[in-house]
Structures are given as C-alpha cells and as structure tokens.
PDB file of all heavy atoms in Angstrom:
ATOM      1  N   VAL A   1      21.155 -28.682   2.798  1.00  0.00           N
ATOM      2  CA  VAL A   1      20.669 -27.763   1.759  1.00  0.00           C
ATOM      3  C   VAL A   1      19.278 -27.297   2.156  1.00  0.00           C
ATOM      4  O   VAL A   1      18.420 -28.049   2.601  1.00  0.00           O
ATOM      5  CB  VAL A   1      20.592 -28.467   0.359  1.00  0.00           C
ATOM      6  CG1 VAL A   1      20.049 -27.526  -0.691  1.00  0.00           C
ATOM      7  CG2 VAL A   1      22.004 -28.933  -0.032  1.00  0.00           C
ATOM      8  N   TYR A   2      19.061 -25.998   1.950  1.00  0.00           N
ATOM      9  CA  TYR A   2      17.762 -25.338   2.196  1.00  0.00           C
ATOM     10  C   TYR A   2      17.405 -24.515   0.951  1.00  0.00           C
ATOM     11  O   TYR A   2      18.320 -24.048   0.227  1.00  0.00           O
ATOM     12  CB  TYR A   2      17.817 -24.398   3.378  1.00  0.00           C
ATOM     13  CG  TYR A   2      18.228 -25.030   4.693  1.00  0.00           C
ATOM     14  CD1 TYR A   2      19.566 -25.170   5.087  1.00  0.00           C
ATOM     15  CD2 TYR A   2      17.242 -25.502   5.557  1.00  0.00           C
ATOM     16  CE1 TYR A   2      19.911 -25.748   6.237  1.00  0.00           C
ATOM     17  CE2 TYR A   2      17.597 -26.103   6.779  1.00  0.00           C
ATOM     18  CZ  TYR A   2      18.921 -26.209   7.094  1.00  0.00           C
ATOM     19  OH  TYR A   2      19.269 -26.782   8.301  1.00  0.00           O
ATOM     20  N   MET A   3      16.144 -24.287   0.749  1.00  0.00           N
ATOM     21  CA  MET A   3      15.668 -23.348  -0.236  1.00  0.00           C
ATOM     22  C   MET A   3      14.961 -22.225   0.593  1.00  0.00           C
ATOM     23  O   MET A   3      14.275 -22.514   1.567  1.00  0.00           O
ATOM     24  CB  MET A   3      14.692 -23.960  -1.224  1.00  0.00           C
ATOM     25  CG  MET A   3      15.329 -25.023  -2.115  1.00  0.00           C
ATOM     26  SD  MET A   3      16.723 -24.470  -3.123  1.00  0.00           S
ATOM     27  CE  MET A   3      15.892 -23.581  -4.373  1.00  0.00           C
ATOM     28  N   TRP A   4      15.134 -20.986   0.170  1.00  0.00           N
ATOM     29  CA  TRP A   4      14.505 -19.855   0.886  1.00  0.00           C
ATOM     30  C   TRP A   4      13.910 -18.874  -0.060  1.00  0.00           C
ATOM     31  O   TRP A   4      14.359 -18.721  -1.184  1.00  0.00           O
ATOM     32  CB  TRP A   4      15.498 -19.213   1.889  1.00  0.00           C
ATOM     33  CG  TRP A   4      16.706 -18.545   1.216  1.00  0.00           C
ATOM     34  CD1 TRP A   4      17.887 -19.196   0.891  1.00  0.00           C
ATOM     35  CD2 TRP A   4      16.886 -17.190   0.919  1.00  0.00           C
ATOM     36  NE1 TRP A   4      18.745 -18.260   0.365  1.00  0.00           N
ATOM     37  CE2 TRP A   4      18.160 -17.040   0.381  1.00  0.00           C
ATOM     38  CE3 TRP A   4      16.069 -16.046   1.028  1.00  0.00           C
ATOM     39  CZ2 TRP A   4      18.657 -15.810  -0.006  1.00  0.00           C
ATOM     40  CZ3 TRP A   4      16.573 -14.826   0.644  1.00  0.00           C
ATOM     41  CH2 TRP A   4      17.853 -14.713   0.138  1.00  0.00           C
ATOM     42  N   LYS A   5      12.853 -18.249   0.418  1.00  0.00           N
ATOM     43  CA  LYS A   5      12.198 -17.208  -0.377  1.00  0.00           C
ATOM     44  C   LYS A   5      11.583 -16.220   0.602  1.00  0.00           C
ATOM     45  O   LYS A   5      11.348 -16.490   1.773  1.00  0.00           O
ATOM     46  CB  LYS A   5      11.167 -17.789  -1.323  1.00  0.00           C
ATOM     47  CG  LYS A   5       9.980 -18.431  -0.654  1.00  0.00           C
ATOM     48  CD  LYS A   5       9.026 -18.976  -1.675  1.00  0.00           C
ATOM     49  CE  LYS A   5       7.852 -19.641  -0.986  1.00  0.00           C
ATOM     50  NZ  LYS A   5       6.881 -20.129  -1.944  1.00  0.00           N
ATOM     51  N   MET A   6      11.296 -15.046   0.085  1.00  0.00           N
ATOM     52  CA  MET A   6      10.729 -13.970   0.856  1.00  0.00           C
ATOM     53  C   MET A   6       9.392 -13.591   0.246  1.00  0.00           C
ATOM     54  O   MET A   6       9.244 -13.621  -0.960  1.00  0.00           O
ATOM     55  CB  MET A   6      11.719 -12.783   0.790  1.00  0.00           C
ATOM     56  CG  MET A   6      11.692 -11.963   1.997  1.00  0.00           C
ATOM     57  SD  MET A   6      12.930 -10.627   1.896  1.00  0.00           S
ATOM     58  CE  MET A   6      12.961 -10.143   0.217  1.00  0.00           C
ATOM     59  N   LEU A   7       8.483 -13.190   1.113  1.00  0.00           N
ATOM     60  CA  LEU A   7       7.145 -12.771   0.657  1.00  0.00           C
ATOM     61  C   LEU A   7       6.697 -11.583   1.524  1.00  0.00           C
ATOM     62  O   LEU A   7       6.901 -11.588   2.730  1.00  0.00           O
ATOM     63  CB  LEU A   7       6.169 -13.925   0.851  1.00  0.00           C
ATOM     64  CG  LEU A   7       4.710 -13.680   0.592  1.00  0.00           C
ATOM     65  CD1 LEU A   7       4.442 -13.425  -0.898  1.00  0.00           C
ATOM     66  CD2 LEU A   7       3.867 -14.825   1.107  1.00  0.00           C
ATOM     67  N   HIS A   8       6.124 -10.610   0.844  1.00  0.00           N
ATOM     68  CA  HIS A   8       5.521  -9.487   1.566  1.00  0.00           C
ATOM     69  C   HIS A   8       4.029  -9.690   1.522  1.00  0.00           C
ATOM     70  O   HIS A   8       3.500  -9.954   0.473  1.00  0.00           O
ATOM     71  CB  HIS A   8       5.895  -8.180   0.918  1.00  0.00           C
ATOM     72  CG  HIS A   8       5.398  -6.976   1.633  1.00  0.00           C
ATOM     73  ND1 HIS A   8       6.026  -6.443   2.700  1.00  0.00           N
ATOM     74  CD2 HIS A   8       4.260  -6.253   1.452  1.00  0.00           C
ATOM     75  CE1 HIS A   8       5.355  -5.383   3.138  1.00  0.00           C
ATOM     76  NE2 HIS A   8       4.277  -5.258   2.434  1.00  0.00           N
ATOM     77  N   SER A   9       3.365  -9.625   2.643  1.00  0.00           N
ATOM     78  CA  SER A   9       1.907  -9.854   2.638  1.00  0.00           C
ATOM     79  C   SER A   9       1.224  -8.842   3.603  1.00  0.00           C
ATOM     80  O   SER A   9       1.834  -8.252   4.485  1.00  0.00           O
ATOM     81  CB  SER A   9       1.573 -11.277   3.089  1.00  0.00           C
ATOM     82  OG  SER A   9       1.759 -11.434   4.451  1.00  0.00           O
ATOM     83  N   HIS A  10      -0.038  -8.678   3.362  1.00  0.00           N
ATOM     84  CA  HIS A  10      -0.895  -7.862   4.207  1.00  0.00           C
ATOM     85  C   HIS A  10      -2.309  -8.226   3.869  1.00  0.00           C
ATOM     86  O   HIS A  10      -2.598  -8.880   2.868  1.00  0.00           O
ATOM     87  CB  HIS A  10      -0.661  -6.383   4.041  1.00  0.00           C
ATOM     88  CG  HIS A  10      -0.571  -5.913   2.632  1.00  0.00           C
ATOM     89  ND1 HIS A  10      -1.678  -5.677   1.870  1.00  0.00           N
ATOM     90  CD2 HIS A  10       0.493  -5.703   1.835  1.00  0.00           C
ATOM     91  CE1 HIS A  10      -1.316  -5.306   0.628  1.00  0.00           C
ATOM     92  NE2 HIS A  10       0.026  -5.304   0.586  1.00  0.00           N
ATOM     93  N   ARG A  11      -3.202  -7.805   4.699  1.00  0.00           N
ATOM     94  CA  ARG A  11      -4.589  -8.035   4.417  1.00  0.00           C
ATOM     95  C   ARG A  11      -5.261  -6.652   4.292  1.00  0.00           C
ATOM     96  O   ARG A  11      -4.710  -5.650   4.641  1.00  0.00           O
ATOM     97  CB  ARG A  11      -5.296  -8.875   5.489  1.00  0.00           C
ATOM     98  CG  ARG A  11      -5.390  -8.261   6.863  1.00  0.00           C
ATOM     99  CD  ARG A  11      -6.126  -9.158   7.832  1.00  0.00           C
ATOM    100  NE  ARG A  11      -6.185  -8.514   9.144  1.00  0.00           N
ATOM    101  CZ  ARG A  11      -7.099  -7.608   9.495  1.00  0.00           C
ATOM    102  NH1 ARG A  11      -7.997  -7.210   8.641  1.00  0.00           N
ATOM    103  NH2 ARG A  11      -7.054  -7.040  10.714  1.00  0.00           N
ATOM    104  N   ARG A  12      -6.456  -6.647   3.763  1.00  0.00           N
ATOM    105  CA  ARG A  12      -7.223  -5.408   3.595  1.00  0.00           C
ATOM    106  C   ARG A  12      -8.301  -5.363   4.661  1.00  0.00           C
ATOM    107  O   ARG A  12      -8.982  -6.350   4.930  1.00  0.00           O
ATOM    108  CB  ARG A  12      -7.812  -5.348   2.225  1.00  0.00           C
ATOM    109  CG  ARG A  12      -6.782  -5.459   1.108  1.00  0.00           C
ATOM    110  CD  ARG A  12      -6.735  -4.153   0.343  1.00  0.00           C
ATOM    111  NE  ARG A  12      -5.713  -4.282  -0.710  1.00  0.00           N
ATOM    112  CZ  ARG A  12      -4.785  -3.404  -0.859  1.00  0.00           C
ATOM    113  NH1 ARG A  12      -4.706  -2.333  -0.137  1.00  0.00           N
ATOM    114  NH2 ARG A  12      -3.889  -3.541  -1.853  1.00  0.00           N
ATOM    115  N   ASP A  13      -8.500  -4.190   5.249  1.00  0.00           N
ATOM    116  CA  ASP A  13      -9.554  -4.060   6.202  1.00  0.00           C
ATOM    117  C   ASP A  13     -10.871  -3.856   5.412  1.00  0.00           C
ATOM    118  O   ASP A  13     -10.908  -3.850   4.173  1.00  0.00           O
ATOM    119  CB  ASP A  13      -9.291  -2.950   7.211  1.00  0.00           C
ATOM    120  CG  ASP A  13      -9.267  -1.532   6.545  1.00  0.00           C
ATOM    121  OD1 ASP A  13      -9.646  -1.353   5.381  1.00  0.00           O
ATOM    122  OD2 ASP A  13      -8.833  -0.622   7.281  1.00  0.00           O
ATOM    123  N   ASP A  14     -11.964  -3.654   6.158  1.00  0.00           N
ATOM    124  CA  ASP A  14     -13.273  -3.487   5.487  1.00  0.00           C
ATOM    125  C   ASP A  14     -13.345  -2.318   4.538  1.00  0.00           C
ATOM    126  O   ASP A  14     -14.148  -2.285   3.614  1.00  0.00           O
ATOM    127  CB  ASP A  14     -14.362  -3.412   6.532  1.00  0.00           C
ATOM    128  CG  ASP A  14     -14.543  -4.687   7.352  1.00  0.00           C
ATOM    129  OD1 ASP A  14     -14.162  -5.762   6.793  1.00  0.00           O
ATOM    130  OD2 ASP A  14     -15.031  -4.632   8.483  1.00  0.00           O
ATOM    131  N   GLY A  15     -12.492  -1.322   4.794  1.00  0.00           N
ATOM    132  CA  GLY A  15     -12.508  -0.147   3.960  1.00  0.00           C
ATOM    133  C   GLY A  15     -11.519  -0.263   2.770  1.00  0.00           C
ATOM    134  O   GLY A  15     -11.389   0.660   1.976  1.00  0.00           O
ATOM    135  N   GLY A  16     -10.845  -1.382   2.647  1.00  0.00           N
ATOM    136  CA  GLY A  16      -9.934  -1.594   1.520  1.00  0.00           C
ATOM    137  C   GLY A  16      -8.522  -1.149   1.793  1.00  0.00           C
ATOM    138  O   GLY A  16      -7.669  -1.237   0.891  1.00  0.00           O
ATOM    139  N   CYS A  17      -8.246  -0.674   2.995  1.00  0.00           N
ATOM    140  CA  CYS A  17      -6.885  -0.194   3.298  1.00  0.00           C
ATOM    141  C   CYS A  17      -6.004  -1.367   3.728  1.00  0.00           C
ATOM    142  O   CYS A  17      -6.458  -2.310   4.389  1.00  0.00           O
ATOM    143  CB  CYS A  17      -6.919   0.805   4.436  1.00  0.00           C
ATOM    144  SG  CYS A  17      -7.694   2.330   4.029  1.00  0.00           S
ATOM    145  N   SER A  18      -4.712  -1.333   3.352  1.00  0.00           N
ATOM    146  CA  SER A  18      -3.739  -2.344   3.766  1.00  0.00           C
ATOM    147  C   SER A  18      -3.486  -2.268   5.263  1.00  0.00           C
ATOM    148  O   SER A  18      -3.207  -1.195   5.762  1.00  0.00           O
ATOM    149  CB  SER A  18      -2.443  -2.191   2.986  1.00  0.00           C
ATOM    150  OG  SER A  18      -2.601  -2.425   1.643  1.00  0.00           O
ATOM    151  N   VAL A  19      -3.550  -3.405   5.916  1.00  0.00           N
ATOM    152  CA  VAL A  19      -3.221  -3.491   7.349  1.00  0.00           C
ATOM    153  C   VAL A  19      -2.438  -4.783   7.553  1.00  0.00           C
ATOM    154  O   VAL A  19      -2.389  -5.649   6.710  1.00  0.00           O
ATOM    155  CB  VAL A  19      -4.524  -3.495   8.221  1.00  0.00           C
ATOM    156  CG1 VAL A  19      -5.240  -2.168   8.110  1.00  0.00           C
ATOM    157  CG2 VAL A  19      -5.452  -4.617   7.869  1.00  0.00           C
ATOM    158  N   ASP A  20      -1.834  -4.844   8.728  1.00  0.00           N
ATOM    159  CA  ASP A  20      -1.092  -6.063   9.128  1.00  0.00           C
ATOM    160  C   ASP A  20       0.009  -6.411   8.106  1.00  0.00           C
ATOM    161  O   ASP A  20       0.080  -7.527   7.591  1.00  0.00           O
ATOM    162  CB  ASP A  20      -2.010  -7.271   9.302  1.00  0.00           C
ATOM    163  CG  ASP A  20      -3.016  -7.063  10.422  1.00  0.00           C
ATOM    164  OD1 ASP A  20      -2.694  -6.265  11.353  1.00  0.00           O
ATOM    165  OD2 ASP A  20      -4.075  -7.689  10.351  1.00  0.00           O
ATOM    166  N   CYS A  21       0.856  -5.449   7.773  1.00  0.00           N
ATOM    167  CA  CYS A  21       1.939  -5.630   6.842  1.00  0.00           C
ATOM    168  C   CYS A  21       2.931  -6.615   7.458  1.00  0.00           C
ATOM    169  O   CYS A  21       3.288  -6.490   8.636  1.00  0.00           O
ATOM    170  CB  CYS A  21       2.643  -4.280   6.583  1.00  0.00           C
ATOM    171  SG  CYS A  21       3.026  -3.933   4.969  1.00  0.00           S
ATOM    172  N   ARG A  22       3.391  -7.596   6.666  1.00  0.00           N
ATOM    173  CA  ARG A  22       4.312  -8.580   7.195  1.00  0.00           C
ATOM    174  C   ARG A  22       5.342  -8.938   6.089  1.00  0.00           C
ATOM    175  O   ARG A  22       5.018  -8.984   4.899  1.00  0.00           O
ATOM    176  CB  ARG A  22       3.590  -9.856   7.587  1.00  0.00           C
ATOM    177  CG  ARG A  22       2.550  -9.644   8.589  1.00  0.00           C
ATOM    178  CD  ARG A  22       1.771 -10.879   9.056  1.00  0.00           C
ATOM    179  NE  ARG A  22       1.618 -11.950   8.082  1.00  0.00           N
ATOM    180  CZ  ARG A  22       1.509 -13.226   8.456  1.00  0.00           C
ATOM    181  NH1 ARG A  22       1.502 -13.587   9.717  1.00  0.00           N
ATOM    182  NH2 ARG A  22       1.336 -14.149   7.557  1.00  0.00           N
ATOM    183  N   GLN A  23       6.550  -9.221   6.556  1.00  0.00           N
ATOM    184  CA  GLN A  23       7.590  -9.766   5.662  1.00  0.00           C
ATOM    185  C   GLN A  23       7.792 -11.190   6.182  1.00  0.00           C
ATOM    186  O   GLN A  23       8.068 -11.391   7.367  1.00  0.00           O
ATOM    187  CB  GLN A  23       8.850  -8.932   5.792  1.00  0.00           C
ATOM    188  CG  GLN A  23       9.860  -9.198   4.715  1.00  0.00           C
ATOM    189  CD  GLN A  23       9.409  -8.671   3.364  1.00  0.00           C
ATOM    190  OE1 GLN A  23       8.500  -7.885   3.242  1.00  0.00           O
ATOM    191  NE2 GLN A  23      10.095  -9.084   2.329  1.00  0.00           N
ATOM    192  N   ILE A  24       7.681 -12.165   5.270  1.00  0.00           N
ATOM    193  CA  ILE A  24       7.804 -13.561   5.683  1.00  0.00           C
ATOM    194  C   ILE A  24       8.994 -14.192   4.928  1.00  0.00           C
ATOM    195  O   ILE A  24       9.007 -14.217   3.728  1.00  0.00           O
ATOM    196  CB  ILE A  24       6.526 -14.333   5.386  1.00  0.00           C
ATOM    197  CG1 ILE A  24       5.351 -13.666   6.069  1.00  0.00           C
ATOM    198  CG2 ILE A  24       6.674 -15.809   5.828  1.00  0.00           C
ATOM    199  CD1 ILE A  24       4.004 -14.166   5.598  1.00  0.00           C
ATOM    200  N   LEU A  25       9.903 -14.709   5.666  1.00  0.00           N
ATOM    201  CA  LEU A  25      11.060 -15.456   5.154  1.00  0.00           C
ATOM    202  C   LEU A  25      10.777 -16.913   5.405  1.00  0.00           C
ATOM    203  O   LEU A  25      10.628 -17.321   6.565  1.00  0.00           O
ATOM    204  CB  LEU A  25      12.367 -15.032   5.838  1.00  0.00           C
ATOM    205  CG  LEU A  25      13.611 -15.806   5.470  1.00  0.00           C
ATOM    206  CD1 LEU A  25      13.979 -15.519   4.001  1.00  0.00           C
ATOM    207  CD2 LEU A  25      14.753 -15.432   6.361  1.00  0.00           C
ATOM    208  N   THR A  26      10.724 -17.718   4.334  1.00  0.00           N
ATOM    209  CA  THR A  26      10.448 -19.154   4.441  1.00  0.00           C
ATOM    210  C   THR A  26      11.732 -19.925   4.074  1.00  0.00           C
ATOM    211  O   THR A  26      12.283 -19.695   2.977  1.00  0.00           O
ATOM    212  CB  THR A  26       9.308 -19.599   3.580  1.00  0.00           C
ATOM    213  OG1 THR A  26       8.141 -18.836   3.930  1.00  0.00           O
ATOM    214  CG2 THR A  26       9.031 -21.077   3.736  1.00  0.00           C
ATOM    215  N   VAL A  27      12.180 -20.780   4.977  1.00  0.00           N
ATOM    216  CA  VAL A  27      13.383 -21.604   4.786  1.00  0.00           C
ATOM    217  C   VAL A  27      12.894 -23.049   4.814  1.00  0.00           C
ATOM    218  O   VAL A  27      12.346 -23.486   5.822  1.00  0.00           O
ATOM    219  CB  VAL A  27      14.436 -21.338   5.874  1.00  0.00           C
ATOM    220  CG1 VAL A  27      15.673 -22.201   5.625  1.00  0.00           C
ATOM    221  CG2 VAL A  27      14.798 -19.871   5.934  1.00  0.00           C
ATOM    222  N   SER A  28      13.126 -23.787   3.689  1.00  0.00           N
ATOM    223  CA  SER A  28      12.649 -25.165   3.598  1.00  0.00           C
ATOM    224  C   SER A  28      13.834 -26.121   3.463  1.00  0.00           C
ATOM    225  O   SER A  28      14.607 -26.012   2.518  1.00  0.00           O
ATOM    226  CB  SER A  28      11.709 -25.299   2.407  1.00  0.00           C
ATOM    227  OG  SER A  28      10.633 -24.436   2.505  1.00  0.00           O
ATOM    228  N   PRO A  29      13.903 -27.140   4.307  1.00  0.00           N
ATOM    229  CA  PRO A  29      14.930 -28.158   4.171  1.00  0.00           C
ATOM    230  C   PRO A  29      14.753 -28.946   2.879  1.00  0.00           C
ATOM    231  O   PRO A  29      13.644 -29.138   2.422  1.00  0.00           O
ATOM    232  CB  PRO A  29      14.685 -29.095   5.386  1.00  0.00           C
ATOM    233  CG  PRO A  29      13.895 -28.303   6.343  1.00  0.00           C
ATOM    234  CD  PRO A  29      13.063 -27.367   5.495  1.00  0.00           C
ATOM    235  N   GLN A  30      15.873 -29.345   2.312  1.00  0.00           N
ATOM    236  CA  GLN A  30      15.866 -30.113   1.070  1.00  0.00           C
ATOM    237  C   GLN A  30      16.522 -31.442   1.307  1.00  0.00           C
ATOM    238  O   GLN A  30      17.331 -31.609   2.188  1.00  0.00           O
ATOM    239  CB  GLN A  30      16.582 -29.351  -0.022  1.00  0.00           C
ATOM    240  CG  GLN A  30      15.955 -28.005  -0.364  1.00  0.00           C
ATOM    241  CD  GLN A  30      14.581 -28.187  -0.917  1.00  0.00           C
ATOM    242  OE1 GLN A  30      14.389 -28.859  -1.889  1.00  0.00           O
ATOM    243  NE2 GLN A  30      13.637 -27.540  -0.283  1.00  0.00           N
ATOM    244  N   PRO A  31      16.173 -32.477   0.512  1.00  0.00           N
ATOM    245  CA  PRO A  31      15.208 -32.435  -0.520  1.00  0.00           C
ATOM    246  C   PRO A  31      13.802 -32.265   0.038  1.00  0.00           C
ATOM    247  O   PRO A  31      13.558 -32.524   1.220  1.00  0.00           O
ATOM    248  CB  PRO A  31      15.370 -33.765  -1.250  1.00  0.00           C
ATOM    249  CG  PRO A  31      16.070 -34.653  -0.311  1.00  0.00           C
ATOM    250  CD  PRO A  31      16.826 -33.794   0.642  1.00  0.00           C
ATOM    251  N   ALA A  32      12.881 -31.803  -0.823  1.00  0.00           N
ATOM    252  CA  ALA A  32      11.500 -31.554  -0.398  1.00  0.00           C
ATOM    253  C   ALA A  32      10.952 -32.780   0.314  1.00  0.00           C
ATOM    254  O   ALA A  32      11.211 -33.904  -0.088  1.00  0.00           O
ATOM    255  CB  ALA A  32      10.654 -31.198  -1.617  1.00  0.00           C
ATOM    256  N   GLY A  33      10.194 -32.542   1.375  1.00  0.00           N
ATOM    257  CA  GLY A  33       9.582 -33.643   2.133  1.00  0.00           C
ATOM    258  C   GLY A  33      10.440 -34.193   3.259  1.00  0.00           C
ATOM    259  O   GLY A  33      10.002 -35.069   3.960  1.00  0.00           O
ATOM    260  N   THR A  34      11.683 -33.710   3.415  1.00  0.00           N
ATOM    261  CA  THR A  34      12.527 -34.227   4.477  1.00  0.00           C
ATOM    262  C   THR A  34      12.374 -33.408   5.750  1.00  0.00           C
ATOM    263  O   THR A  34      12.994 -33.728   6.748  1.00  0.00           O
ATOM    264  CB  THR A  34      14.020 -34.215   4.027  1.00  0.00           C
ATOM    265  OG1 THR A  34      14.403 -32.869   3.760  1.00  0.00           O
ATOM    266  CG2 THR A  34      14.230 -35.100   2.829  1.00  0.00           C
ATOM    267  N   GLY A  35      11.586 -32.371   5.728  1.00  0.00           N
ATOM    268  CA  GLY A  35      11.369 -31.567   6.946  1.00  0.00           C
ATOM    269  C   GLY A  35      10.401 -30.444   6.620  1.00  0.00           C
ATOM    270  O   GLY A  35      10.188 -30.082   5.474  1.00  0.00           O
ATOM    271  N   GLY A  36       9.815 -29.908   7.666  1.00  0.00           N
ATOM    272  CA  GLY A  36       8.845 -28.828   7.502  1.00  0.00           C
ATOM    273  C   GLY A  36       9.540 -27.483   7.375  1.00  0.00           C
ATOM    274  O   GLY A  36      10.672 -27.275   7.875  1.00  0.00           O
ATOM    275  N   PRO A  37       8.890 -26.518   6.702  1.00  0.00           N
ATOM    276  CA  PRO A  37       9.474 -25.213   6.532  1.00  0.00           C
ATOM    277  C   PRO A  37       9.484 -24.390   7.820  1.00  0.00           C
ATOM    278  O   PRO A  37       8.628 -24.556   8.709  1.00  0.00           O
ATOM    279  CB  PRO A  37       8.568 -24.547   5.479  1.00  0.00           C
ATOM    280  CG  PRO A  37       7.252 -25.233   5.682  1.00  0.00           C
ATOM    281  CD  PRO A  37       7.541 -26.647   6.089  1.00  0.00           C
ATOM    282  N   LEU A  38      10.437 -23.490   7.866  1.00  0.00           N
ATOM    283  CA  LEU A  38      10.537 -22.509   8.948  1.00  0.00           C
ATOM    284  C   LEU A  38      10.051 -21.177   8.345  1.00  0.00           C
ATOM    285  O   LEU A  38      10.581 -20.745   7.348  1.00  0.00           O
ATOM    286  CB  LEU A  38      11.986 -22.395   9.465  1.00  0.00           C
ATOM    287  CG  LEU A  38      12.266 -21.243  10.415  1.00  0.00           C
ATOM    288  CD1 LEU A  38      11.514 -21.451  11.741  1.00  0.00           C
ATOM    289  CD2 LEU A  38      13.762 -21.134  10.638  1.00  0.00           C
ATOM    290  N   ARG A  39       9.024 -20.579   9.004  1.00  0.00           N
ATOM    291  CA  ARG A  39       8.576 -19.249   8.529  1.00  0.00           C
ATOM    292  C   ARG A  39       8.953 -18.241   9.572  1.00  0.00           C
ATOM    293  O   ARG A  39       8.456 -18.307  10.702  1.00  0.00           O
ATOM    294  CB  ARG A  39       7.046 -19.294   8.282  1.00  0.00           C
ATOM    295  CG  ARG A  39       6.649 -20.136   7.105  1.00  0.00           C
ATOM    296  CD  ARG A  39       5.175 -20.043   6.794  1.00  0.00           C
ATOM    297  NE  ARG A  39       4.852 -21.050   5.819  1.00  0.00           N
ATOM    298  CZ  ARG A  39       4.310 -22.244   6.116  1.00  0.00           C
ATOM    299  NH1 ARG A  39       4.031 -22.536   7.375  1.00  0.00           N
ATOM    300  NH2 ARG A  39       4.028 -23.103   5.167  1.00  0.00           N
ATOM    301  N   ILE A  40       9.819 -17.312   9.190  1.00  0.00           N
ATOM    302  CA  ILE A  40      10.222 -16.264  10.076  1.00  0.00           C
ATOM    303  C   ILE A  40       9.460 -15.017   9.696  1.00  0.00           C
ATOM    304  O   ILE A  40       9.607 -14.521   8.579  1.00  0.00           O
ATOM    305  CB  ILE A  40      11.757 -16.021   9.958  1.00  0.00           C
ATOM    306  CG1 ILE A  40      12.548 -17.332  10.297  1.00  0.00           C
ATOM    307  CG2 ILE A  40      12.212 -14.893  10.870  1.00  0.00           C
ATOM    308  CD1 ILE A  40      14.006 -17.260  10.026  1.00  0.00           C
ATOM    309  N   ILE A  41       8.638 -14.537  10.628  1.00  0.00           N
ATOM    310  CA  ILE A  41       7.673 -13.496  10.292  1.00  0.00           C
ATOM    311  C   ILE A  41       8.026 -12.190  10.976  1.00  0.00           C
ATOM    312  O   ILE A  41       8.204 -12.126  12.190  1.00  0.00           O
ATOM    313  CB  ILE A  41       6.247 -13.910  10.718  1.00  0.00           C
ATOM    314  CG1 ILE A  41       5.882 -15.202   9.951  1.00  0.00           C
ATOM    315  CG2 ILE A  41       5.250 -12.819  10.456  1.00  0.00           C
ATOM    316  CD1 ILE A  41       4.608 -15.861  10.410  1.00  0.00           C
ATOM    317  N   PHE A  42       8.145 -11.124  10.170  1.00  0.00           N
ATOM    318  CA  PHE A  42       8.406  -9.806  10.690  1.00  0.00           C
ATOM    319  C   PHE A  42       7.119  -8.970  10.443  1.00  0.00           C
ATOM    320  O   PHE A  42       6.799  -8.636   9.304  1.00  0.00           O
ATOM    321  CB  PHE A  42       9.572  -9.163   9.942  1.00  0.00           C
ATOM    322  CG  PHE A  42      10.902  -9.796  10.203  1.00  0.00           C
ATOM    323  CD1 PHE A  42      11.371 -10.818   9.405  1.00  0.00           C
ATOM    324  CD2 PHE A  42      11.684  -9.422  11.268  1.00  0.00           C
ATOM    325  CE1 PHE A  42      12.588 -11.453   9.670  1.00  0.00           C
ATOM    326  CE2 PHE A  42      12.886 -10.001  11.568  1.00  0.00           C
ATOM    327  CZ  PHE A  42      13.338 -11.036  10.777  1.00  0.00           C
ATOM    328  N   ALA A  43       6.405  -8.734  11.509  1.00  0.00           N
ATOM    329  CA  ALA A  43       5.119  -7.984  11.412  1.00  0.00           C
ATOM    330  C   ALA A  43       5.379  -6.524  11.741  1.00  0.00           C
ATOM    331  O   ALA A  43       6.178  -6.198  12.636  1.00  0.00           O
ATOM    332  CB  ALA A  43       4.109  -8.569  12.375  1.00  0.00           C
ATOM    333  N   ASP A  44       4.722  -5.677  11.027  1.00  0.00           N
ATOM    334  CA  ASP A  44       4.840  -4.213  11.232  1.00  0.00           C
ATOM    335  C   ASP A  44       4.397  -3.901  12.651  1.00  0.00           C
ATOM    336  O   ASP A  44       3.511  -4.516  13.197  1.00  0.00           O
ATOM    337  CB  ASP A  44       3.966  -3.481  10.198  1.00  0.00           C
ATOM    338  CG  ASP A  44       4.287  -1.993  10.126  1.00  0.00           C
ATOM    339  OD1 ASP A  44       5.355  -1.577  10.607  1.00  0.00           O
ATOM    340  OD2 ASP A  44       3.497  -1.323   9.529  1.00  0.00           O
ATOM    341  N   GLY A  45       4.994  -2.864  13.231  1.00  0.00           N
ATOM    342  CA  GLY A  45       4.662  -2.441  14.560  1.00  0.00           C
ATOM    343  C   GLY A  45       5.474  -1.232  14.982  1.00  0.00           C
ATOM    344  O   GLY A  45       6.400  -0.835  14.303  1.00  0.00           O
ATOM    345  N   PRO A  46       5.145  -0.611  16.119  1.00  0.00           N
ATOM    346  CA  PRO A  46       5.878   0.539  16.633  1.00  0.00           C
ATOM    347  C   PRO A  46       7.379   0.212  16.811  1.00  0.00           C
ATOM    348  O   PRO A  46       7.716  -0.861  17.338  1.00  0.00           O
ATOM    349  CB  PRO A  46       5.207   0.852  17.960  1.00  0.00           C
ATOM    350  CG  PRO A  46       3.924   0.127  17.946  1.00  0.00           C
ATOM    351  CD  PRO A  46       4.071  -1.031  17.050  1.00  0.00           C
TER     352      PRO A  46
END
C-alpha cells in the first residue's frame, strides 16, 4: 500500500515573478514510517 499526492510549486524571483515551476508527485509507502517517500519531480523546461 502507498499513499500519493501531487503538488505544484514554484518560487518567486526578486521581482516577484514565478520561476522554476514544478509538478511534484510524492508516493509514500504505508504504513507510515515503513519507508521513505519517493518524490518524482517534473520541472518546467524547453
């Protein structure tokens, strides 16, 4: 059994614009504490 969730993240540059857009899928083995999470990261790019 795994639990999974998705998160969209980015940071703001000095001018306040969004940069480094990323989609992060986290898959965590269950029960909690039986293993570390896997973070699959999709970063924006050409």
